[in-house]
Amino acid sequence: GGLVAKGIDKQNISVSEPWDVNREK
């Protein structure tokens, strides 16, 4: 959230998360 707020390109951020709820968030 901090990175996005400071203008980092969202497509340069990739997240692996096994839980559906966290991943959707």
PDBML (XML) file of the C-alpha atoms, coordinates in Angstrom:
<?xml version="1.0" encoding="UTF-8" ?>
<PDBx:datablock datablockName="MODEL"
   xmlns:PDBx="http://pdbml.pdb.org/schema/pdbx-v50.xsd"
   xmlns:xsi="http://www.w3.org/2001/XMLSchema-instance"
   xsi:schemaLocation="http://pdbml.pdb.org/schema/pdbx-v50.xsd pdbx-v50.xsd">
   <PDBx:atom_siteCategory>
      <PDBx:atom_site id="1">
         <PDBx:B_iso_or_equiv>0.00</PDBx:B_iso_or_equiv>
         <PDBx:Cartn_x>0.000</PDBx:Cartn_x>
         <PDBx:Cartn_y>0.000</PDBx:Cartn_y>
         <PDBx:Cartn_z>0.000</PDBx:Cartn_z>
         <PDBx:auth_asym_id>A</PDBx:auth_asym_id>
         <PDBx:auth_atom_id>CA</PDBx:auth_atom_id>
         <PDBx:auth_comp_id>GLY</PDBx:auth_comp_id>
         <PDBx:auth_seq_id>1</PDBx:auth_seq_id>
         <PDBx:group_PDB>ATOM</PDBx:group_PDB>
         <PDBx:label_alt_id xsi:nil="true" />
         <PDBx:label_asym_id>A</PDBx:label_asym_id>
         <PDBx:label_atom_id>CA</PDBx:label_atom_id>
         <PDBx:label_comp_id>GLY</PDBx:label_comp_id>
         <PDBx:label_entity_id>1</PDBx:label_entity_id>
         <PDBx:label_seq_id>1</PDBx:label_seq_id>
         <PDBx:occupancy>1.00</PDBx:occupancy>
         <PDBx:pdbx_PDB_model_num>1</PDBx:pdbx_PDB_model_num>
         <PDBx:type_symbol>C</PDBx:type_symbol>
      </PDBx:atom_site>
      <PDBx:atom_site id="2">
         <PDBx:B_iso_or_equiv>0.00</PDBx:B_iso_or_equiv>
         <PDBx:Cartn_x>2.857</PDBx:Cartn_x>
         <PDBx:Cartn_y>2.364</PDBx:Cartn_y>
         <PDBx:Cartn_z>0.818</PDBx:Cartn_z>
         <PDBx:auth_asym_id>A</PDBx:auth_asym_id>
         <PDBx:auth_atom_id>CA</PDBx:auth_atom_id>
         <PDBx:auth_comp_id>GLY</PDBx:auth_comp_id>
         <PDBx:auth_seq_id>2</PDBx:auth_seq_id>
         <PDBx:group_PDB>ATOM</PDBx:group_PDB>
         <PDBx:label_alt_id xsi:nil="true" />
         <PDBx:label_asym_id>A</PDBx:label_asym_id>
         <PDBx:label_atom_id>CA</PDBx:label_atom_id>
         <PDBx:label_comp_id>GLY</PDBx:label_comp_id>
         <PDBx:label_entity_id>1</PDBx:label_entity_id>
         <PDBx:label_seq_id>2</PDBx:label_seq_id>
         <PDBx:occupancy>1.00</PDBx:occupancy>
         <PDBx:pdbx_PDB_model_num>1</PDBx:pdbx_PDB_model_num>
         <PDBx:type_symbol>C</PDBx:type_symbol>
      </PDBx:atom_site>
      <PDBx:atom_site id="3">
         <PDBx:B_iso_or_equiv>0.00</PDBx:B_iso_or_equiv>
         <PDBx:Cartn_x>4.607</PDBx:Cartn_x>
         <PDBx:Cartn_y>1.625</PDBx:Cartn_y>
         <PDBx:Cartn_z>-2.463</PDBx:Cartn_z>
         <PDBx:auth_asym_id>A</PDBx:auth_asym_id>
         <PDBx:auth_atom_id>CA</PDBx:auth_atom_id>
         <PDBx:auth_comp_id>LEU</PDBx:auth_comp_id>
         <PDBx:auth_seq_id>3</PDBx:auth_seq_id>
         <PDBx:group_PDB>ATOM</PDBx:group_PDB>
         <PDBx:label_alt_id xsi:nil="true" />
         <PDBx:label_asym_id>A</PDBx:label_asym_id>
         <PDBx:label_atom_id>CA</PDBx:label_atom_id>
         <PDBx:label_comp_id>LEU</PDBx:label_comp_id>
         <PDBx:label_entity_id>1</PDBx:label_entity_id>
         <PDBx:label_seq_id>3</PDBx:label_seq_id>
         <PDBx:occupancy>1.00</PDBx:occupancy>
         <PDBx:pdbx_PDB_model_num>1</PDBx:pdbx_PDB_model_num>
         <PDBx:type_symbol>C</PDBx:type_symbol>
      </PDBx:atom_site>
      <PDBx:atom_site id="4">
         <PDBx:B_iso_or_equiv>0.00</PDBx:B_iso_or_equiv>
         <PDBx:Cartn_x>1.453</PDBx:Cartn_x>
         <PDBx:Cartn_y>2.161</PDBx:Cartn_y>
         <PDBx:Cartn_z>-4.508</PDBx:Cartn_z>
         <PDBx:auth_asym_id>A</PDBx:auth_asym_id>
         <PDBx:auth_atom_id>CA</PDBx:auth_atom_id>
         <PDBx:auth_comp_id>VAL</PDBx:auth_comp_id>
         <PDBx:auth_seq_id>4</PDBx:auth_seq_id>
         <PDBx:group_PDB>ATOM</PDBx:group_PDB>
         <PDBx:label_alt_id xsi:nil="true" />
         <PDBx:label_asym_id>A</PDBx:label_asym_id>
         <PDBx:label_atom_id>CA</PDBx:label_atom_id>
         <PDBx:label_comp_id>VAL</PDBx:label_comp_id>
         <PDBx:label_entity_id>1</PDBx:label_entity_id>
         <PDBx:label_seq_id>4</PDBx:label_seq_id>
         <PDBx:occupancy>1.00</PDBx:occupancy>
         <PDBx:pdbx_PDB_model_num>1</PDBx:pdbx_PDB_model_num>
         <PDBx:type_symbol>C</PDBx:type_symbol>
      </PDBx:atom_site>
      <PDBx:atom_site id="5">
         <PDBx:B_iso_or_equiv>0.00</PDBx:B_iso_or_equiv>
         <PDBx:Cartn_x>0.725</PDBx:Cartn_x>
         <PDBx:Cartn_y>5.406</PDBx:Cartn_y>
         <PDBx:Cartn_z>-2.658</PDBx:Cartn_z>
         <PDBx:auth_asym_id>A</PDBx:auth_asym_id>
         <PDBx:auth_atom_id>CA</PDBx:auth_atom_id>
         <PDBx:auth_comp_id>ALA</PDBx:auth_comp_id>
         <PDBx:auth_seq_id>5</PDBx:auth_seq_id>
         <PDBx:group_PDB>ATOM</PDBx:group_PDB>
         <PDBx:label_alt_id xsi:nil="true" />
         <PDBx:label_asym_id>A</PDBx:label_asym_id>
         <PDBx:label_atom_id>CA</PDBx:label_atom_id>
         <PDBx:label_comp_id>ALA</PDBx:label_comp_id>
         <PDBx:label_entity_id>1</PDBx:label_entity_id>
         <PDBx:label_seq_id>5</PDBx:label_seq_id>
         <PDBx:occupancy>1.00</PDBx:occupancy>
         <PDBx:pdbx_PDB_model_num>1</PDBx:pdbx_PDB_model_num>
         <PDBx:type_symbol>C</PDBx:type_symbol>
      </PDBx:atom_site>
      <PDBx:atom_site id="6">
         <PDBx:B_iso_or_equiv>0.00</PDBx:B_iso_or_equiv>
         <PDBx:Cartn_x>4.207</PDBx:Cartn_x>
         <PDBx:Cartn_y>6.650</PDBx:Cartn_y>
         <PDBx:Cartn_z>-3.550</PDBx:Cartn_z>
         <PDBx:auth_asym_id>A</PDBx:auth_asym_id>
         <PDBx:auth_atom_id>CA</PDBx:auth_atom_id>
         <PDBx:auth_comp_id>LYS</PDBx:auth_comp_id>
         <PDBx:auth_seq_id>6</PDBx:auth_seq_id>
         <PDBx:group_PDB>ATOM</PDBx:group_PDB>
         <PDBx:label_alt_id xsi:nil="true" />
         <PDBx:label_asym_id>A</PDBx:label_asym_id>
         <PDBx:label_atom_id>CA</PDBx:label_atom_id>
         <PDBx:label_comp_id>LYS</PDBx:label_comp_id>
         <PDBx:label_entity_id>1</PDBx:label_entity_id>
         <PDBx:label_seq_id>6</PDBx:label_seq_id>
         <PDBx:occupancy>1.00</PDBx:occupancy>
         <PDBx:pdbx_PDB_model_num>1</PDBx:pdbx_PDB_model_num>
         <PDBx:type_symbol>C</PDBx:type_symbol>
      </PDBx:atom_site>
      <PDBx:atom_site id="7">
         <PDBx:B_iso_or_equiv>0.00</PDBx:B_iso_or_equiv>
         <PDBx:Cartn_x>3.717</PDBx:Cartn_x>
         <PDBx:Cartn_y>5.966</PDBx:Cartn_y>
         <PDBx:Cartn_z>-7.253</PDBx:Cartn_z>
         <PDBx:auth_asym_id>A</PDBx:auth_asym_id>
         <PDBx:auth_atom_id>CA</PDBx:auth_atom_id>
         <PDBx:auth_comp_id>GLY</PDBx:auth_comp_id>
         <PDBx:auth_seq_id>7</PDBx:auth_seq_id>
         <PDBx:group_PDB>ATOM</PDBx:group_PDB>
         <PDBx:label_alt_id xsi:nil="true" />
         <PDBx:label_asym_id>A</PDBx:label_asym_id>
         <PDBx:label_atom_id>CA</PDBx:label_atom_id>
         <PDBx:label_comp_id>GLY</PDBx:label_comp_id>
         <PDBx:label_entity_id>1</PDBx:label_entity_id>
         <PDBx:label_seq_id>7</PDBx:label_seq_id>
         <PDBx:occupancy>1.00</PDBx:occupancy>
         <PDBx:pdbx_PDB_model_num>1</PDBx:pdbx_PDB_model_num>
         <PDBx:type_symbol>C</PDBx:type_symbol>
      </PDBx:atom_site>
      <PDBx:atom_site id="8">
         <PDBx:B_iso_or_equiv>0.00</PDBx:B_iso_or_equiv>
         <PDBx:Cartn_x>5.363</PDBx:Cartn_x>
         <PDBx:Cartn_y>2.600</PDBx:Cartn_y>
         <PDBx:Cartn_z>-7.847</PDBx:Cartn_z>
         <PDBx:auth_asym_id>A</PDBx:auth_asym_id>
         <PDBx:auth_atom_id>CA</PDBx:auth_atom_id>
         <PDBx:auth_comp_id>ILE</PDBx:auth_comp_id>
         <PDBx:auth_seq_id>8</PDBx:auth_seq_id>
         <PDBx:group_PDB>ATOM</PDBx:group_PDB>
         <PDBx:label_alt_id xsi:nil="true" />
         <PDBx:label_asym_id>A</PDBx:label_asym_id>
         <PDBx:label_atom_id>CA</PDBx:label_atom_id>
         <PDBx:label_comp_id>ILE</PDBx:label_comp_id>
         <PDBx:label_entity_id>1</PDBx:label_entity_id>
         <PDBx:label_seq_id>8</PDBx:label_seq_id>
         <PDBx:occupancy>1.00</PDBx:occupancy>
         <PDBx:pdbx_PDB_model_num>1</PDBx:pdbx_PDB_model_num>
         <PDBx:type_symbol>C</PDBx:type_symbol>
      </PDBx:atom_site>
      <PDBx:atom_site id="9">
         <PDBx:B_iso_or_equiv>0.00</PDBx:B_iso_or_equiv>
         <PDBx:Cartn_x>3.938</PDBx:Cartn_x>
         <PDBx:Cartn_y>0.985</PDBx:Cartn_y>
         <PDBx:Cartn_z>-11.007</PDBx:Cartn_z>
         <PDBx:auth_asym_id>A</PDBx:auth_asym_id>
         <PDBx:auth_atom_id>CA</PDBx:auth_atom_id>
         <PDBx:auth_comp_id>ASP</PDBx:auth_comp_id>
         <PDBx:auth_seq_id>9</PDBx:auth_seq_id>
         <PDBx:group_PDB>ATOM</PDBx:group_PDB>
         <PDBx:label_alt_id xsi:nil="true" />
         <PDBx:label_asym_id>A</PDBx:label_asym_id>
         <PDBx:label_atom_id>CA</PDBx:label_atom_id>
         <PDBx:label_comp_id>ASP</PDBx:label_comp_id>
         <PDBx:label_entity_id>1</PDBx:label_entity_id>
         <PDBx:label_seq_id>9</PDBx:label_seq_id>
         <PDBx:occupancy>1.00</PDBx:occupancy>
         <PDBx:pdbx_PDB_model_num>1</PDBx:pdbx_PDB_model_num>
         <PDBx:type_symbol>C</PDBx:type_symbol>
      </PDBx:atom_site>
      <PDBx:atom_site id="10">
         <PDBx:B_iso_or_equiv>0.00</PDBx:B_iso_or_equiv>
         <PDBx:Cartn_x>1.413</PDBx:Cartn_x>
         <PDBx:Cartn_y>-1.614</PDBx:Cartn_y>
         <PDBx:Cartn_z>-9.828</PDBx:Cartn_z>
         <PDBx:auth_asym_id>A</PDBx:auth_asym_id>
         <PDBx:auth_atom_id>CA</PDBx:auth_atom_id>
         <PDBx:auth_comp_id>LYS</PDBx:auth_comp_id>
         <PDBx:auth_seq_id>10</PDBx:auth_seq_id>
         <PDBx:group_PDB>ATOM</PDBx:group_PDB>
         <PDBx:label_alt_id xsi:nil="true" />
         <PDBx:label_asym_id>A</PDBx:label_asym_id>
         <PDBx:label_atom_id>CA</PDBx:label_atom_id>
         <PDBx:label_comp_id>LYS</PDBx:label_comp_id>
         <PDBx:label_entity_id>1</PDBx:label_entity_id>
         <PDBx:label_seq_id>10</PDBx:label_seq_id>
         <PDBx:occupancy>1.00</PDBx:occupancy>
         <PDBx:pdbx_PDB_model_num>1</PDBx:pdbx_PDB_model_num>
         <PDBx:type_symbol>C</PDBx:type_symbol>
      </PDBx:atom_site>
      <PDBx:atom_site id="11">
         <PDBx:B_iso_or_equiv>0.00</PDBx:B_iso_or_equiv>
         <PDBx:Cartn_x>2.366</PDBx:Cartn_x>
         <PDBx:Cartn_y>-3.921</PDBx:Cartn_y>
         <PDBx:Cartn_z>-12.672</PDBx:Cartn_z>
         <PDBx:auth_asym_id>A</PDBx:auth_asym_id>
         <PDBx:auth_atom_id>CA</PDBx:auth_atom_id>
         <PDBx:auth_comp_id>GLN</PDBx:auth_comp_id>
         <PDBx:auth_seq_id>11</PDBx:auth_seq_id>
         <PDBx:group_PDB>ATOM</PDBx:group_PDB>
         <PDBx:label_alt_id xsi:nil="true" />
         <PDBx:label_asym_id>A</PDBx:label_asym_id>
         <PDBx:label_atom_id>CA</PDBx:label_atom_id>
         <PDBx:label_comp_id>GLN</PDBx:label_comp_id>
         <PDBx:label_entity_id>1</PDBx:label_entity_id>
         <PDBx:label_seq_id>11</PDBx:label_seq_id>
         <PDBx:occupancy>1.00</PDBx:occupancy>
         <PDBx:pdbx_PDB_model_num>1</PDBx:pdbx_PDB_model_num>
         <PDBx:type_symbol>C</PDBx:type_symbol>
      </PDBx:atom_site>
      <PDBx:atom_site id="12">
         <PDBx:B_iso_or_equiv>0.00</PDBx:B_iso_or_equiv>
         <PDBx:Cartn_x>5.908</PDBx:Cartn_x>
         <PDBx:Cartn_y>-4.063</PDBx:Cartn_y>
         <PDBx:Cartn_z>-11.277</PDBx:Cartn_z>
         <PDBx:auth_asym_id>A</PDBx:auth_asym_id>
         <PDBx:auth_atom_id>CA</PDBx:auth_atom_id>
         <PDBx:auth_comp_id>ASN</PDBx:auth_comp_id>
         <PDBx:auth_seq_id>12</PDBx:auth_seq_id>
         <PDBx:group_PDB>ATOM</PDBx:group_PDB>
         <PDBx:label_alt_id xsi:nil="true" />
         <PDBx:label_asym_id>A</PDBx:label_asym_id>
         <PDBx:label_atom_id>CA</PDBx:label_atom_id>
         <PDBx:label_comp_id>ASN</PDBx:label_comp_id>
         <PDBx:label_entity_id>1</PDBx:label_entity_id>
         <PDBx:label_seq_id>12</PDBx:label_seq_id>
         <PDBx:occupancy>1.00</PDBx:occupancy>
         <PDBx:pdbx_PDB_model_num>1</PDBx:pdbx_PDB_model_num>
         <PDBx:type_symbol>C</PDBx:type_symbol>
      </PDBx:atom_site>
      <PDBx:atom_site id="13">
         <PDBx:B_iso_or_equiv>0.00</PDBx:B_iso_or_equiv>
         <PDBx:Cartn_x>4.576</PDBx:Cartn_x>
         <PDBx:Cartn_y>-5.658</PDBx:Cartn_y>
         <PDBx:Cartn_z>-8.082</PDBx:Cartn_z>
         <PDBx:auth_asym_id>A</PDBx:auth_asym_id>
         <PDBx:auth_atom_id>CA</PDBx:auth_atom_id>
         <PDBx:auth_comp_id>ILE</PDBx:auth_comp_id>
         <PDBx:auth_seq_id>13</PDBx:auth_seq_id>
         <PDBx:group_PDB>ATOM</PDBx:group_PDB>
         <PDBx:label_alt_id xsi:nil="true" />
         <PDBx:label_asym_id>A</PDBx:label_asym_id>
         <PDBx:label_atom_id>CA</PDBx:label_atom_id>
         <PDBx:label_comp_id>ILE</PDBx:label_comp_id>
         <PDBx:label_entity_id>1</PDBx:label_entity_id>
         <PDBx:label_seq_id>13</PDBx:label_seq_id>
         <PDBx:occupancy>1.00</PDBx:occupancy>
         <PDBx:pdbx_PDB_model_num>1</PDBx:pdbx_PDB_model_num>
         <PDBx:type_symbol>C</PDBx:type_symbol>
      </PDBx:atom_site>
      <PDBx:atom_site id="14">
         <PDBx:B_iso_or_equiv>0.00</PDBx:B_iso_or_equiv>
         <PDBx:Cartn_x>3.739</PDBx:Cartn_x>
         <PDBx:Cartn_y>-9.357</PDBx:Cartn_y>
         <PDBx:Cartn_z>-7.960</PDBx:Cartn_z>
         <PDBx:auth_asym_id>A</PDBx:auth_asym_id>
         <PDBx:auth_atom_id>CA</PDBx:auth_atom_id>
         <PDBx:auth_comp_id>SER</PDBx:auth_comp_id>
         <PDBx:auth_seq_id>14</PDBx:auth_seq_id>
         <PDBx:group_PDB>ATOM</PDBx:group_PDB>
         <PDBx:label_alt_id xsi:nil="true" />
         <PDBx:label_asym_id>A</PDBx:label_asym_id>
         <PDBx:label_atom_id>CA</PDBx:label_atom_id>
         <PDBx:label_comp_id>SER</PDBx:label_comp_id>
         <PDBx:label_entity_id>1</PDBx:label_entity_id>
         <PDBx:label_seq_id>14</PDBx:label_seq_id>
         <PDBx:occupancy>1.00</PDBx:occupancy>
         <PDBx:pdbx_PDB_model_num>1</PDBx:pdbx_PDB_model_num>
         <PDBx:type_symbol>C</PDBx:type_symbol>
      </PDBx:atom_site>
      <PDBx:atom_site id="15">
         <PDBx:B_iso_or_equiv>0.00</PDBx:B_iso_or_equiv>
         <PDBx:Cartn_x>2.323</PDBx:Cartn_x>
         <PDBx:Cartn_y>-11.067</PDBx:Cartn_y>
         <PDBx:Cartn_z>-4.872</PDBx:Cartn_z>
         <PDBx:auth_asym_id>A</PDBx:auth_asym_id>
         <PDBx:auth_atom_id>CA</PDBx:auth_atom_id>
         <PDBx:auth_comp_id>VAL</PDBx:auth_comp_id>
         <PDBx:auth_seq_id>15</PDBx:auth_seq_id>
         <PDBx:group_PDB>ATOM</PDBx:group_PDB>
         <PDBx:label_alt_id xsi:nil="true" />
         <PDBx:label_asym_id>A</PDBx:label_asym_id>
         <PDBx:label_atom_id>CA</PDBx:label_atom_id>
         <PDBx:label_comp_id>VAL</PDBx:label_comp_id>
         <PDBx:label_entity_id>1</PDBx:label_entity_id>
         <PDBx:label_seq_id>15</PDBx:label_seq_id>
         <PDBx:occupancy>1.00</PDBx:occupancy>
         <PDBx:pdbx_PDB_model_num>1</PDBx:pdbx_PDB_model_num>
         <PDBx:type_symbol>C</PDBx:type_symbol>
      </PDBx:atom_site>
      <PDBx:atom_site id="16">
         <PDBx:B_iso_or_equiv>0.00</PDBx:B_iso_or_equiv>
         <PDBx:Cartn_x>2.019</PDBx:Cartn_x>
         <PDBx:Cartn_y>-14.752</PDBx:Cartn_y>
         <PDBx:Cartn_z>-4.068</PDBx:Cartn_z>
         <PDBx:auth_asym_id>A</PDBx:auth_asym_id>
         <PDBx:auth_atom_id>CA</PDBx:auth_atom_id>
         <PDBx:auth_comp_id>SER</PDBx:auth_comp_id>
         <PDBx:auth_seq_id>16</PDBx:auth_seq_id>
         <PDBx:group_PDB>ATOM</PDBx:group_PDB>
         <PDBx:label_alt_id xsi:nil="true" />
         <PDBx:label_asym_id>A</PDBx:label_asym_id>
         <PDBx:label_atom_id>CA</PDBx:label_atom_id>
         <PDBx:label_comp_id>SER</PDBx:label_comp_id>
         <PDBx:label_entity_id>1</PDBx:label_entity_id>
         <PDBx:label_seq_id>16</PDBx:label_seq_id>
         <PDBx:occupancy>1.00</PDBx:occupancy>
         <PDBx:pdbx_PDB_model_num>1</PDBx:pdbx_PDB_model_num>
         <PDBx:type_symbol>C</PDBx:type_symbol>
      </PDBx:atom_site>
      <PDBx:atom_site id="17">
         <PDBx:B_iso_or_equiv>0.00</PDBx:B_iso_or_equiv>
         <PDBx:Cartn_x>-0.620</PDBx:Cartn_x>
         <PDBx:Cartn_y>-15.540</PDBx:Cartn_y>
         <PDBx:Cartn_z>-1.445</PDBx:Cartn_z>
         <PDBx:auth_asym_id>A</PDBx:auth_asym_id>
         <PDBx:auth_atom_id>CA</PDBx:auth_atom_id>
         <PDBx:auth_comp_id>GLU</PDBx:auth_comp_id>
         <PDBx:auth_seq_id>17</PDBx:auth_seq_id>
         <PDBx:group_PDB>ATOM</PDBx:group_PDB>
         <PDBx:label_alt_id xsi:nil="true" />
         <PDBx:label_asym_id>A</PDBx:label_asym_id>
         <PDBx:label_atom_id>CA</PDBx:label_atom_id>
         <PDBx:label_comp_id>GLU</PDBx:label_comp_id>
         <PDBx:label_entity_id>1</PDBx:label_entity_id>
         <PDBx:label_seq_id>17</PDBx:label_seq_id>
         <PDBx:occupancy>1.00</PDBx:occupancy>
         <PDBx:pdbx_PDB_model_num>1</PDBx:pdbx_PDB_model_num>
         <PDBx:type_symbol>C</PDBx:type_symbol>
      </PDBx:atom_site>
      <PDBx:atom_site id="18">
         <PDBx:B_iso_or_equiv>0.00</PDBx:B_iso_or_equiv>
         <PDBx:Cartn_x>-2.221</PDBx:Cartn_x>
         <PDBx:Cartn_y>-18.969</PDBx:Cartn_y>
         <PDBx:Cartn_z>-0.902</PDBx:Cartn_z>
         <PDBx:auth_asym_id>A</PDBx:auth_asym_id>
         <PDBx:auth_atom_id>CA</PDBx:auth_atom_id>
         <PDBx:auth_comp_id>PRO</PDBx:auth_comp_id>
         <PDBx:auth_seq_id>18</PDBx:auth_seq_id>
         <PDBx:group_PDB>ATOM</PDBx:group_PDB>
         <PDBx:label_alt_id xsi:nil="true" />
         <PDBx:label_asym_id>A</PDBx:label_asym_id>
         <PDBx:label_atom_id>CA</PDBx:label_atom_id>
         <PDBx:label_comp_id>PRO</PDBx:label_comp_id>
         <PDBx:label_entity_id>1</PDBx:label_entity_id>
         <PDBx:label_seq_id>18</PDBx:label_seq_id>
         <PDBx:occupancy>1.00</PDBx:occupancy>
         <PDBx:pdbx_PDB_model_num>1</PDBx:pdbx_PDB_model_num>
         <PDBx:type_symbol>C</PDBx:type_symbol>
      </PDBx:atom_site>
      <PDBx:atom_site id="19">
         <PDBx:B_iso_or_equiv>0.00</PDBx:B_iso_or_equiv>
         <PDBx:Cartn_x>-5.337</PDBx:Cartn_x>
         <PDBx:Cartn_y>-17.748</PDBx:Cartn_y>
         <PDBx:Cartn_z>0.927</PDBx:Cartn_z>
         <PDBx:auth_asym_id>A</PDBx:auth_asym_id>
         <PDBx:auth_atom_id>CA</PDBx:auth_atom_id>
         <PDBx:auth_comp_id>TRP</PDBx:auth_comp_id>
         <PDBx:auth_seq_id>19</PDBx:auth_seq_id>
         <PDBx:group_PDB>ATOM</PDBx:group_PDB>
         <PDBx:label_alt_id xsi:nil="true" />
         <PDBx:label_asym_id>A</PDBx:label_asym_id>
         <PDBx:label_atom_id>CA</PDBx:label_atom_id>
         <PDBx:label_comp_id>TRP</PDBx:label_comp_id>
         <PDBx:label_entity_id>1</PDBx:label_entity_id>
         <PDBx:label_seq_id>19</PDBx:label_seq_id>
         <PDBx:occupancy>1.00</PDBx:occupancy>
         <PDBx:pdbx_PDB_model_num>1</PDBx:pdbx_PDB_model_num>
         <PDBx:type_symbol>C</PDBx:type_symbol>
      </PDBx:atom_site>
      <PDBx:atom_site id="20">
         <PDBx:B_iso_or_equiv>0.00</PDBx:B_iso_or_equiv>
         <PDBx:Cartn_x>-8.141</PDBx:Cartn_x>
         <PDBx:Cartn_y>-16.554</PDBx:Cartn_y>
         <PDBx:Cartn_z>-1.358</PDBx:Cartn_z>
         <PDBx:auth_asym_id>A</PDBx:auth_asym_id>
         <PDBx:auth_atom_id>CA</PDBx:auth_atom_id>
         <PDBx:auth_comp_id>ASP</PDBx:auth_comp_id>
         <PDBx:auth_seq_id>20</PDBx:auth_seq_id>
         <PDBx:group_PDB>ATOM</PDBx:group_PDB>
         <PDBx:label_alt_id xsi:nil="true" />
         <PDBx:label_asym_id>A</PDBx:label_asym_id>
         <PDBx:label_atom_id>CA</PDBx:label_atom_id>
         <PDBx:label_comp_id>ASP</PDBx:label_comp_id>
         <PDBx:label_entity_id>1</PDBx:label_entity_id>
         <PDBx:label_seq_id>20</PDBx:label_seq_id>
         <PDBx:occupancy>1.00</PDBx:occupancy>
         <PDBx:pdbx_PDB_model_num>1</PDBx:pdbx_PDB_model_num>
         <PDBx:type_symbol>C</PDBx:type_symbol>
      </PDBx:atom_site>
      <PDBx:atom_site id="21">
         <PDBx:B_iso_or_equiv>0.00</PDBx:B_iso_or_equiv>
         <PDBx:Cartn_x>-9.350</PDBx:Cartn_x>
         <PDBx:Cartn_y>-13.832</PDBx:Cartn_y>
         <PDBx:Cartn_z>1.022</PDBx:Cartn_z>
         <PDBx:auth_asym_id>A</PDBx:auth_asym_id>
         <PDBx:auth_atom_id>CA</PDBx:auth_atom_id>
         <PDBx:auth_comp_id>VAL</PDBx:auth_comp_id>
         <PDBx:auth_seq_id>21</PDBx:auth_seq_id>
         <PDBx:group_PDB>ATOM</PDBx:group_PDB>
         <PDBx:label_alt_id xsi:nil="true" />
         <PDBx:label_asym_id>A</PDBx:label_asym_id>
         <PDBx:label_atom_id>CA</PDBx:label_atom_id>
         <PDBx:label_comp_id>VAL</PDBx:label_comp_id>
         <PDBx:label_entity_id>1</PDBx:label_entity_id>
         <PDBx:label_seq_id>21</PDBx:label_seq_id>
         <PDBx:occupancy>1.00</PDBx:occupancy>
         <PDBx:pdbx_PDB_model_num>1</PDBx:pdbx_PDB_model_num>
         <PDBx:type_symbol>C</PDBx:type_symbol>
      </PDBx:atom_site>
      <PDBx:atom_site id="22">
         <PDBx:B_iso_or_equiv>0.00</PDBx:B_iso_or_equiv>
         <PDBx:Cartn_x>-5.899</PDBx:Cartn_x>
         <PDBx:Cartn_y>-12.269</PDBx:Cartn_y>
         <PDBx:Cartn_z>1.414</PDBx:Cartn_z>
         <PDBx:auth_asym_id>A</PDBx:auth_asym_id>
         <PDBx:auth_atom_id>CA</PDBx:auth_atom_id>
         <PDBx:auth_comp_id>ASN</PDBx:auth_comp_id>
         <PDBx:auth_seq_id>22</PDBx:auth_seq_id>
         <PDBx:group_PDB>ATOM</PDBx:group_PDB>
         <PDBx:label_alt_id xsi:nil="true" />
         <PDBx:label_asym_id>A</PDBx:label_asym_id>
         <PDBx:label_atom_id>CA</PDBx:label_atom_id>
         <PDBx:label_comp_id>ASN</PDBx:label_comp_id>
         <PDBx:label_entity_id>1</PDBx:label_entity_id>
         <PDBx:label_seq_id>22</PDBx:label_seq_id>
         <PDBx:occupancy>1.00</PDBx:occupancy>
         <PDBx:pdbx_PDB_model_num>1</PDBx:pdbx_PDB_model_num>
         <PDBx:type_symbol>C</PDBx:type_symbol>
      </PDBx:atom_site>
      <PDBx:atom_site id="23">
         <PDBx:B_iso_or_equiv>0.00</PDBx:B_iso_or_equiv>
         <PDBx:Cartn_x>-5.144</PDBx:Cartn_x>
         <PDBx:Cartn_y>-12.611</PDBx:Cartn_y>
         <PDBx:Cartn_z>-2.299</PDBx:Cartn_z>
         <PDBx:auth_asym_id>A</PDBx:auth_asym_id>
         <PDBx:auth_atom_id>CA</PDBx:auth_atom_id>
         <PDBx:auth_comp_id>ARG</PDBx:auth_comp_id>
         <PDBx:auth_seq_id>23</PDBx:auth_seq_id>
         <PDBx:group_PDB>ATOM</PDBx:group_PDB>
         <PDBx:label_alt_id xsi:nil="true" />
         <PDBx:label_asym_id>A</PDBx:label_asym_id>
         <PDBx:label_atom_id>CA</PDBx:label_atom_id>
         <PDBx:label_comp_id>ARG</PDBx:label_comp_id>
         <PDBx:label_entity_id>1</PDBx:label_entity_id>
         <PDBx:label_seq_id>23</PDBx:label_seq_id>
         <PDBx:occupancy>1.00</PDBx:occupancy>
         <PDBx:pdbx_PDB_model_num>1</PDBx:pdbx_PDB_model_num>
         <PDBx:type_symbol>C</PDBx:type_symbol>
      </PDBx:atom_site>
      <PDBx:atom_site id="24">
         <PDBx:B_iso_or_equiv>0.00</PDBx:B_iso_or_equiv>
         <PDBx:Cartn_x>-8.395</PDBx:Cartn_x>
         <PDBx:Cartn_y>-10.875</PDBx:Cartn_y>
         <PDBx:Cartn_z>-3.281</PDBx:Cartn_z>
         <PDBx:auth_asym_id>A</PDBx:auth_asym_id>
         <PDBx:auth_atom_id>CA</PDBx:auth_atom_id>
         <PDBx:auth_comp_id>GLU</PDBx:auth_comp_id>
         <PDBx:auth_seq_id>24</PDBx:auth_seq_id>
         <PDBx:group_PDB>ATOM</PDBx:group_PDB>
         <PDBx:label_alt_id xsi:nil="true" />
         <PDBx:label_asym_id>A</PDBx:label_asym_id>
         <PDBx:label_atom_id>CA</PDBx:label_atom_id>
         <PDBx:label_comp_id>GLU</PDBx:label_comp_id>
         <PDBx:label_entity_id>1</PDBx:label_entity_id>
         <PDBx:label_seq_id>24</PDBx:label_seq_id>
         <PDBx:occupancy>1.00</PDBx:occupancy>
         <PDBx:pdbx_PDB_model_num>1</PDBx:pdbx_PDB_model_num>
         <PDBx:type_symbol>C</PDBx:type_symbol>
      </PDBx:atom_site>
      <PDBx:atom_site id="25">
         <PDBx:B_iso_or_equiv>0.00</PDBx:B_iso_or_equiv>
         <PDBx:Cartn_x>-7.695</PDBx:Cartn_x>
         <PDBx:Cartn_y>-8.089</PDBx:Cartn_y>
         <PDBx:Cartn_z>-0.800</PDBx:Cartn_z>
         <PDBx:auth_asym_id>A</PDBx:auth_asym_id>
         <PDBx:auth_atom_id>CA</PDBx:auth_atom_id>
         <PDBx:auth_comp_id>LYS</PDBx:auth_comp_id>
         <PDBx:auth_seq_id>25</PDBx:auth_seq_id>
         <PDBx:group_PDB>ATOM</PDBx:group_PDB>
         <PDBx:label_alt_id xsi:nil="true" />
         <PDBx:label_asym_id>A</PDBx:label_asym_id>
         <PDBx:label_atom_id>CA</PDBx:label_atom_id>
         <PDBx:label_comp_id>LYS</PDBx:label_comp_id>
         <PDBx:label_entity_id>1</PDBx:label_entity_id>
         <PDBx:label_seq_id>25</PDBx:label_seq_id>
         <PDBx:occupancy>1.00</PDBx:occupancy>
         <PDBx:pdbx_PDB_model_num>1</PDBx:pdbx_PDB_model_num>
         <PDBx:type_symbol>C</PDBx:type_symbol>
      </PDBx:atom_site>
   </PDBx:atom_siteCategory>
</PDBx:datablock>
